[in-house]
Each structure stands twice: as structure tokens, then as C-alpha cells.
Amino acid sequence: MIEKIGYFFEVSGWTMYGIAVCSIFALAVFLERLWTLRREKTVPKGFSIEVEDLVRRGQIPEAVTLCRKNPTPLSRVVQVGLEGAEKSRGSVKETVDEVGRREATGLTRYMGLLNTTISVAPMLGFLGTVLGMVQLFTAIAEAGEVTNVGMIAGGIYKALYTTIAGLVVAIPATLFYRYLNSRIESLVAEMEEVSLRIVDLIGSD
């Protein structure tokens, strides 16, 4: 298996190494975001229930302390709202929205890199194939004639290795990207819902 992989790299040239780097980046970003975007690290359900209960009972300082003890994107948004409890509802909501947008941006960290690999990997694959075809036809031109059909067929299928490799990287990376985007959108929506409930509770006190 290792020898076969080594053969692919040998016949495909430097573009295959670029595709390999793209695959490493894509997998690393996916695993890092998957770990970071766990619900208990972003929008923990137990925290939201507890902080809402404290706010309903008018225990704002205790709710702020709870936020500080549980540093998550949700708690940071809620904390800003709680610390501005004495201000008008409109002012609190505006501040919460601003911090919420900042925290939402943090959830998308490295997503641009993943999106880049989706575009670059197949492009490198196509480039490798074109370079391989150029080498093949250059060799044929220098020989002056085609003495063996297998020579052309062999050159073409070797040139196509990089196209295959590029697509093999880009297709899973696209699925990773769409899954993570969906997860981020879900977490952001839940974060907004909880923070707005807190703002309403503060405003009703």
C-alpha cells in the first residue's frame, strides 16, 4: 500500500504534494472545528437554564458570576446583557447583538481555510494532469513518431492521477464545510434565542 502511494507521488510530480497538503489542512480544520463546536463548549443547555432561573429570581450578580465561571460564547454574550441590566432594553439589546456577532465570527474560525482547500485541491489536480499531458506530448514530439499505443495510454492514465487525487480531497472537504456551516448556524441561532430571552427577562424586571 505504501509503495503504491509512493508510486502515485513519483509519477504525479509536485502537484500531488500540494494536494496532500490540502488534505492535511482540510482534515485538521474539520477535527479542530468539530472539537471546538461541541454544544457544551458553545451553547451549554444546563448553563442557559440555570442563568435564566437566576435572572427570573432577580439574582443578577449571581448570574454574572455564573457567566464568568463558565466561559463560552453564550456566557460572554449573556454576561454583557446582565452587566448592562440598568440600561434601557434597546441599549442592552444593541450591545448583546454586537457581542453576539463577534462570538459568531469566532465560531467560523479557519472555515475560510477549509473553503480554500475545496477550490485549490481540484485546481492542483487539473494542473498536474495538464503538466503530465504536456510531458507526454513533448516526449512524442521528440521521438517523432508513436511506436507504441501503450506509451500514450500509460502517459494519459498517469497524468489523470492528480485529477483523481484533487477530487478525492475536494469532495469530502466540501461535505465537511457544509456540515460545519450547518452546525455553526444552528449554534448561532440558539445563542441568539437564549440571549434575547435573557434581555426580555431583564427588561421585565
C-alpha atoms as a PDB file:
ATOM      1  CA  MET A   1       0.000   0.000   0.000  1.00  0.00           C
ATOM      2  CA  ILE A   2       2.769   2.440   0.986  1.00  0.00           C
ATOM      3  CA  GLU A   3       4.715   1.525  -2.146  1.00  0.00           C
ATOM      4  CA  LYS A   4       1.667   2.243  -4.303  1.00  0.00           C
ATOM      5  CA  ILE A   5       1.142   5.640  -2.672  1.00  0.00           C
ATOM      6  CA  GLY A   6       4.820   6.393  -3.213  1.00  0.00           C
ATOM      7  CA  TYR A   7       4.392   5.448  -6.872  1.00  0.00           C
ATOM      8  CA  PHE A   8       1.489   7.892  -7.251  1.00  0.00           C
ATOM      9  CA  PHE A   9       3.640  10.705  -5.870  1.00  0.00           C
ATOM     10  CA  GLU A  10       6.565   9.713  -8.046  1.00  0.00           C
ATOM     11  CA  VAL A  11       4.651   9.756 -11.352  1.00  0.00           C
ATOM     12  CA  SER A  12       2.437  12.748 -10.493  1.00  0.00           C
ATOM     13  CA  GLY A  13       5.116  15.241  -9.515  1.00  0.00           C
ATOM     14  CA  TRP A  14       4.966  18.209  -7.180  1.00  0.00           C
ATOM     15  CA  THR A  15       1.236  18.872  -7.625  1.00  0.00           C
ATOM     16  CA  MET A  16       0.452  15.668  -5.744  1.00  0.00           C
ATOM     17  CA  TYR A  17       2.366  17.020  -2.750  1.00  0.00           C
ATOM     18  CA  GLY A  18       0.284  20.182  -2.888  1.00  0.00           C
ATOM     19  CA  ILE A  19      -2.889  18.107  -2.912  1.00  0.00           C
ATOM     20  CA  ALA A  20      -1.589  16.128   0.062  1.00  0.00           C
ATOM     21  CA  VAL A  21      -1.038  19.379   1.980  1.00  0.00           C
ATOM     22  CA  CYS A  22      -4.610  20.442   1.146  1.00  0.00           C
ATOM     23  CA  SER A  23      -5.927  17.145   2.504  1.00  0.00           C
ATOM     24  CA  ILE A  24      -3.994  17.614   5.759  1.00  0.00           C
ATOM     25  CA  PHE A  25      -5.310  21.166   6.189  1.00  0.00           C
ATOM     26  CA  ALA A  26      -8.890  20.095   5.439  1.00  0.00           C
ATOM     27  CA  LEU A  27      -8.809  17.237   7.942  1.00  0.00           C
ATOM     28  CA  ALA A  28      -7.095  19.356  10.608  1.00  0.00           C
ATOM     29  CA  VAL A  29      -9.649  22.174  10.299  1.00  0.00           C
ATOM     30  CA  PHE A  30     -12.566  19.739  10.354  1.00  0.00           C
ATOM     31  CA  LEU A  31     -11.356  17.977  13.506  1.00  0.00           C
ATOM     32  CA  GLU A  32     -10.466  21.261  15.247  1.00  0.00           C
ATOM     33  CA  ARG A  33     -13.866  22.825  14.478  1.00  0.00           C
ATOM     34  CA  LEU A  34     -15.672  19.610  15.392  1.00  0.00           C
ATOM     35  CA  TRP A  35     -13.984  19.701  18.812  1.00  0.00           C
ATOM     36  CA  THR A  36     -14.474  23.455  19.301  1.00  0.00           C
ATOM     37  CA  LEU A  37     -18.122  23.494  18.218  1.00  0.00           C
ATOM     38  CA  ARG A  38     -19.274  20.966  20.784  1.00  0.00           C
ATOM     39  CA  ARG A  39     -22.528  22.119  22.335  1.00  0.00           C
ATOM     40  CA  GLU A  40     -21.171  22.006  25.886  1.00  0.00           C
ATOM     41  CA  LYS A  41     -18.369  24.357  24.822  1.00  0.00           C
ATOM     42  CA  THR A  42     -20.529  26.849  22.924  1.00  0.00           C
ATOM     43  CA  VAL A  43     -24.193  26.806  23.986  1.00  0.00           C
ATOM     44  CA  PRO A  44     -24.432  24.558  27.070  1.00  0.00           C
ATOM     45  CA  LYS A  45     -28.064  23.791  27.844  1.00  0.00           C
ATOM     46  CA  GLY A  46     -27.554  23.453  31.585  1.00  0.00           C
ATOM     47  CA  PHE A  47     -25.975  26.899  31.748  1.00  0.00           C
ATOM     48  CA  SER A  48     -28.831  28.609  29.900  1.00  0.00           C
ATOM     49  CA  ILE A  49     -31.432  27.024  32.189  1.00  0.00           C
ATOM     50  CA  GLU A  50     -29.518  27.993  35.336  1.00  0.00           C
ATOM     51  CA  VAL A  51     -28.816  31.585  34.301  1.00  0.00           C
ATOM     52  CA  GLU A  52     -32.425  32.164  33.233  1.00  0.00           C
ATOM     53  CA  ASP A  53     -33.596  30.870  36.592  1.00  0.00           C
ATOM     54  CA  LEU A  54     -31.275  33.275  38.419  1.00  0.00           C
ATOM     55  CA  VAL A  55     -32.460  36.238  36.325  1.00  0.00           C
ATOM     56  CA  ARG A  56     -36.118  35.371  36.963  1.00  0.00           C
ATOM     57  CA  ARG A  57     -35.388  35.483  40.693  1.00  0.00           C
ATOM     58  CA  GLY A  58     -33.658  38.841  40.286  1.00  0.00           C
ATOM     59  CA  GLN A  59     -30.237  37.455  41.227  1.00  0.00           C
ATOM     60  CA  ILE A  60     -28.311  39.369  38.552  1.00  0.00           C
ATOM     61  CA  PRO A  61     -24.912  39.427  40.368  1.00  0.00           C
ATOM     62  CA  GLU A  62     -25.110  35.640  40.860  1.00  0.00           C
ATOM     63  CA  ALA A  63     -25.954  35.237  37.157  1.00  0.00           C
ATOM     64  CA  VAL A  64     -22.923  37.357  36.182  1.00  0.00           C
ATOM     65  CA  THR A  65     -20.716  35.221  38.435  1.00  0.00           C
ATOM     66  CA  LEU A  66     -22.078  32.097  36.776  1.00  0.00           C
ATOM     67  CA  CYS A  67     -21.175  33.539  33.361  1.00  0.00           C
ATOM     68  CA  ARG A  68     -17.620  34.238  34.485  1.00  0.00           C
ATOM     69  CA  LYS A  69     -17.224  30.725  35.814  1.00  0.00           C
ATOM     70  CA  ASN A  70     -18.420  29.207  32.546  1.00  0.00           C
ATOM     71  CA  PRO A  71     -16.546  30.956  29.711  1.00  0.00           C
ATOM     72  CA  THR A  72     -18.339  30.069  26.475  1.00  0.00           C
ATOM     73  CA  PRO A  73     -19.579  32.146  23.518  1.00  0.00           C
ATOM     74  CA  LEU A  74     -23.079  32.082  25.015  1.00  0.00           C
ATOM     75  CA  SER A  75     -21.975  33.094  28.510  1.00  0.00           C
ATOM     76  CA  ARG A  76     -19.945  36.028  27.156  1.00  0.00           C
ATOM     77  CA  VAL A  77     -22.977  37.331  25.257  1.00  0.00           C
ATOM     78  CA  VAL A  78     -25.279  36.862  28.237  1.00  0.00           C
ATOM     79  CA  GLN A  79     -22.781  38.460  30.614  1.00  0.00           C
ATOM     80  CA  VAL A  80     -22.730  41.664  28.569  1.00  0.00           C
ATOM     81  CA  GLY A  81     -26.501  41.818  28.771  1.00  0.00           C
ATOM     82  CA  LEU A  82     -26.548  41.202  32.504  1.00  0.00           C
ATOM     83  CA  GLU A  83     -23.876  43.815  33.182  1.00  0.00           C
ATOM     84  CA  GLY A  84     -25.988  46.376  31.351  1.00  0.00           C
ATOM     85  CA  ALA A  85     -29.163  45.463  33.227  1.00  0.00           C
ATOM     86  CA  GLU A  86     -29.561  49.044  34.483  1.00  0.00           C
ATOM     87  CA  LYS A  87     -29.617  50.443  30.946  1.00  0.00           C
ATOM     88  CA  SER A  88     -32.589  50.636  28.625  1.00  0.00           C
ATOM     89  CA  ARG A  89     -33.746  47.474  26.880  1.00  0.00           C
ATOM     90  CA  GLY A  90     -32.820  48.892  23.462  1.00  0.00           C
ATOM     91  CA  SER A  91     -29.302  49.717  24.593  1.00  0.00           C
ATOM     92  CA  VAL A  92     -28.818  46.276  26.157  1.00  0.00           C
ATOM     93  CA  LYS A  93     -30.118  44.531  23.062  1.00  0.00           C
ATOM     94  CA  GLU A  94     -27.793  46.525  20.811  1.00  0.00           C
ATOM     95  CA  THR A  95     -24.773  45.610  22.953  1.00  0.00           C
ATOM     96  CA  VAL A  96     -25.790  41.944  23.096  1.00  0.00           C
ATOM     97  CA  ASP A  97     -26.213  41.875  19.305  1.00  0.00           C
ATOM     98  CA  GLU A  98     -22.763  43.364  18.805  1.00  0.00           C
ATOM     99  CA  VAL A  99     -21.056  40.858  21.088  1.00  0.00           C
ATOM    100  CA  GLY A 100     -23.149  38.067  19.576  1.00  0.00           C
ATOM    101  CA  ARG A 101     -21.887  38.921  16.094  1.00  0.00           C
ATOM    102  CA  ARG A 102     -18.315  38.878  17.366  1.00  0.00           C
ATOM    103  CA  GLU A 103     -18.778  35.498  19.023  1.00  0.00           C
ATOM    104  CA  ALA A 104     -20.470  34.134  15.893  1.00  0.00           C
ATOM    105  CA  THR A 105     -17.459  35.241  13.853  1.00  0.00           C
ATOM    106  CA  GLY A 106     -15.229  33.348  16.260  1.00  0.00           C
ATOM    107  CA  LEU A 107     -17.160  30.162  15.569  1.00  0.00           C
ATOM    108  CA  THR A 108     -16.271  30.425  11.862  1.00  0.00           C
ATOM    109  CA  ARG A 109     -12.544  30.491  12.560  1.00  0.00           C
ATOM    110  CA  TYR A 110     -10.493  28.549   9.949  1.00  0.00           C
ATOM    111  CA  MET A 111     -13.584  27.992   7.790  1.00  0.00           C
ATOM    112  CA  GLY A 112     -12.030  30.200   5.120  1.00  0.00           C
ATOM    113  CA  LEU A 113      -9.013  27.897   5.023  1.00  0.00           C
ATOM    114  CA  LEU A 114     -11.248  24.877   4.580  1.00  0.00           C
ATOM    115  CA  ASN A 115     -13.127  26.623   1.786  1.00  0.00           C
ATOM    116  CA  THR A 116      -9.810  27.437   0.107  1.00  0.00           C
ATOM    117  CA  THR A 117      -8.727  23.792   0.081  1.00  0.00           C
ATOM    118  CA  ILE A 118     -12.012  22.907  -1.641  1.00  0.00           C
ATOM    119  CA  SER A 119     -11.039  25.185  -4.535  1.00  0.00           C
ATOM    120  CA  VAL A 120      -7.287  24.625  -4.609  1.00  0.00           C
ATOM    121  CA  ALA A 121      -7.181  20.811  -4.441  1.00  0.00           C
ATOM    122  CA  PRO A 122      -9.035  20.126  -7.731  1.00  0.00           C
ATOM    123  CA  MET A 123      -7.211  23.012  -9.422  1.00  0.00           C
ATOM    124  CA  LEU A 124      -3.889  21.434  -8.472  1.00  0.00           C
ATOM    125  CA  GLY A 125      -5.250  18.141  -9.758  1.00  0.00           C
ATOM    126  CA  PHE A 126      -6.128  19.643 -13.137  1.00  0.00           C
ATOM    127  CA  LEU A 127      -2.771  21.421 -13.279  1.00  0.00           C
ATOM    128  CA  GLY A 128      -0.961  18.142 -12.610  1.00  0.00           C
ATOM    129  CA  THR A 129      -2.922  16.462 -15.386  1.00  0.00           C
ATOM    130  CA  VAL A 130      -2.140  19.255 -17.861  1.00  0.00           C
ATOM    131  CA  LEU A 131       1.556  19.155 -16.984  1.00  0.00           C
ATOM    132  CA  GLY A 132       1.531  15.381 -17.391  1.00  0.00           C
ATOM    133  CA  MET A 133      -0.092  15.662 -20.819  1.00  0.00           C
ATOM    134  CA  VAL A 134       2.445  18.297 -21.855  1.00  0.00           C
ATOM    135  CA  GLN A 135       5.284  15.985 -20.844  1.00  0.00           C
ATOM    136  CA  LEU A 136       3.687  13.106 -22.728  1.00  0.00           C
ATOM    137  CA  PHE A 137       3.230  15.003 -25.988  1.00  0.00           C
ATOM    138  CA  THR A 138       6.671  16.568 -25.641  1.00  0.00           C
ATOM    139  CA  ALA A 139       8.134  13.066 -25.437  1.00  0.00           C
ATOM    140  CA  ILE A 140       6.105  12.005 -28.502  1.00  0.00           C
ATOM    141  CA  ALA A 141       7.251  15.095 -30.440  1.00  0.00           C
ATOM    142  CA  GLU A 142      10.878  14.409 -29.588  1.00  0.00           C
ATOM    143  CA  ALA A 143      10.503  10.767 -30.639  1.00  0.00           C
ATOM    144  CA  GLY A 144       8.999  11.873 -33.938  1.00  0.00           C
ATOM    145  CA  GLU A 145       6.503   9.026 -34.037  1.00  0.00           C
ATOM    146  CA  VAL A 146       4.298   6.866 -31.862  1.00  0.00           C
ATOM    147  CA  THR A 147       5.843   3.435 -31.751  1.00  0.00           C
ATOM    148  CA  ASN A 148       3.626   2.045 -29.008  1.00  0.00           C
ATOM    149  CA  VAL A 149      -0.021   2.822 -28.255  1.00  0.00           C
ATOM    150  CA  GLY A 150       0.660   1.743 -24.675  1.00  0.00           C
ATOM    151  CA  MET A 151       3.048   4.666 -24.399  1.00  0.00           C
ATOM    152  CA  ILE A 152       0.168   7.137 -24.944  1.00  0.00           C
ATOM    153  CA  ALA A 153      -2.297   5.252 -22.769  1.00  0.00           C
ATOM    154  CA  GLY A 154       0.228   4.913 -19.967  1.00  0.00           C
ATOM    155  CA  GLY A 155       1.092   8.605 -20.113  1.00  0.00           C
ATOM    156  CA  ILE A 156      -2.553   9.653 -20.057  1.00  0.00           C
ATOM    157  CA  TYR A 157      -3.614   7.495 -17.108  1.00  0.00           C
ATOM    158  CA  LYS A 158      -0.590   8.625 -15.099  1.00  0.00           C
ATOM    159  CA  ALA A 159      -1.467  12.242 -15.850  1.00  0.00           C
ATOM    160  CA  LEU A 160      -5.017  11.676 -14.588  1.00  0.00           C
ATOM    161  CA  TYR A 161      -3.824  10.567 -11.151  1.00  0.00           C
ATOM    162  CA  THR A 162      -3.651  14.151  -9.897  1.00  0.00           C
ATOM    163  CA  THR A 163      -7.162  14.967 -11.115  1.00  0.00           C
ATOM    164  CA  ILE A 164      -8.482  11.973  -9.215  1.00  0.00           C
ATOM    165  CA  ALA A 165      -6.498  12.926  -6.101  1.00  0.00           C
ATOM    166  CA  GLY A 166      -7.734  16.526  -6.236  1.00  0.00           C
ATOM    167  CA  LEU A 167     -11.364  15.425  -6.424  1.00  0.00           C
ATOM    168  CA  VAL A 168     -10.855  12.828  -3.686  1.00  0.00           C
ATOM    169  CA  VAL A 169      -9.735  15.671  -1.393  1.00  0.00           C
ATOM    170  CA  ALA A 170     -12.252  18.309  -2.544  1.00  0.00           C
ATOM    171  CA  ILE A 171     -15.407  16.180  -2.289  1.00  0.00           C
ATOM    172  CA  PRO A 172     -15.039  15.206   1.417  1.00  0.00           C
ATOM    173  CA  ALA A 173     -13.784  18.726   2.210  1.00  0.00           C
ATOM    174  CA  THR A 174     -16.987  20.137   0.689  1.00  0.00           C
ATOM    175  CA  LEU A 175     -19.077  17.826   2.856  1.00  0.00           C
ATOM    176  CA  PHE A 176     -17.029  18.848   5.918  1.00  0.00           C
ATOM    177  CA  TYR A 177     -17.568  22.524   5.092  1.00  0.00           C
ATOM    178  CA  ARG A 178     -21.323  22.208   4.637  1.00  0.00           C
ATOM    179  CA  TYR A 179     -21.717  20.170   7.832  1.00  0.00           C
ATOM    180  CA  LEU A 180     -19.704  22.658   9.906  1.00  0.00           C
ATOM    181  CA  ASN A 181     -21.578  25.620   8.404  1.00  0.00           C
ATOM    182  CA  SER A 182     -24.885  23.993   9.295  1.00  0.00           C
ATOM    183  CA  ARG A 183     -23.653  23.345  12.829  1.00  0.00           C
ATOM    184  CA  ILE A 184     -22.453  26.924  13.240  1.00  0.00           C
ATOM    185  CA  GLU A 185     -25.763  28.334  12.003  1.00  0.00           C
ATOM    186  CA  SER A 186     -27.647  26.128  14.459  1.00  0.00           C
ATOM    187  CA  LEU A 187     -25.454  27.172  17.404  1.00  0.00           C
ATOM    188  CA  VAL A 188     -25.663  30.875  16.496  1.00  0.00           C
ATOM    189  CA  ALA A 189     -29.463  30.681  16.223  1.00  0.00           C
ATOM    190  CA  GLU A 190     -29.686  29.026  19.634  1.00  0.00           C
ATOM    191  CA  MET A 191     -27.282  31.568  21.127  1.00  0.00           C
ATOM    192  CA  GLU A 192     -29.421  34.426  19.800  1.00  0.00           C
ATOM    193  CA  GLU A 193     -32.596  32.810  21.149  1.00  0.00           C
ATOM    194  CA  VAL A 194     -31.199  32.391  24.661  1.00  0.00           C
ATOM    195  CA  SER A 195     -29.645  35.864  24.783  1.00  0.00           C
ATOM    196  CA  LEU A 196     -32.899  37.502  23.647  1.00  0.00           C
ATOM    197  CA  ARG A 197     -34.813  35.632  26.346  1.00  0.00           C
ATOM    198  CA  ILE A 198     -32.358  36.956  28.916  1.00  0.00           C
ATOM    199  CA  VAL A 199     -32.741  40.503  27.560  1.00  0.00           C
ATOM    200  CA  ASP A 200     -36.525  40.190  27.797  1.00  0.00           C
ATOM    201  CA  LEU A 201     -36.273  38.895  31.358  1.00  0.00           C
ATOM    202  CA  ILE A 202     -34.002  41.781  32.345  1.00  0.00           C
ATOM    203  CA  GLY A 203     -36.365  44.258  30.722  1.00  0.00           C
ATOM    204  CA  SER A 204     -39.333  42.798  32.583  1.00  0.00           C
ATOM    205  CA  ASP A 205     -37.734  43.242  35.991  1.00  0.00           C
END
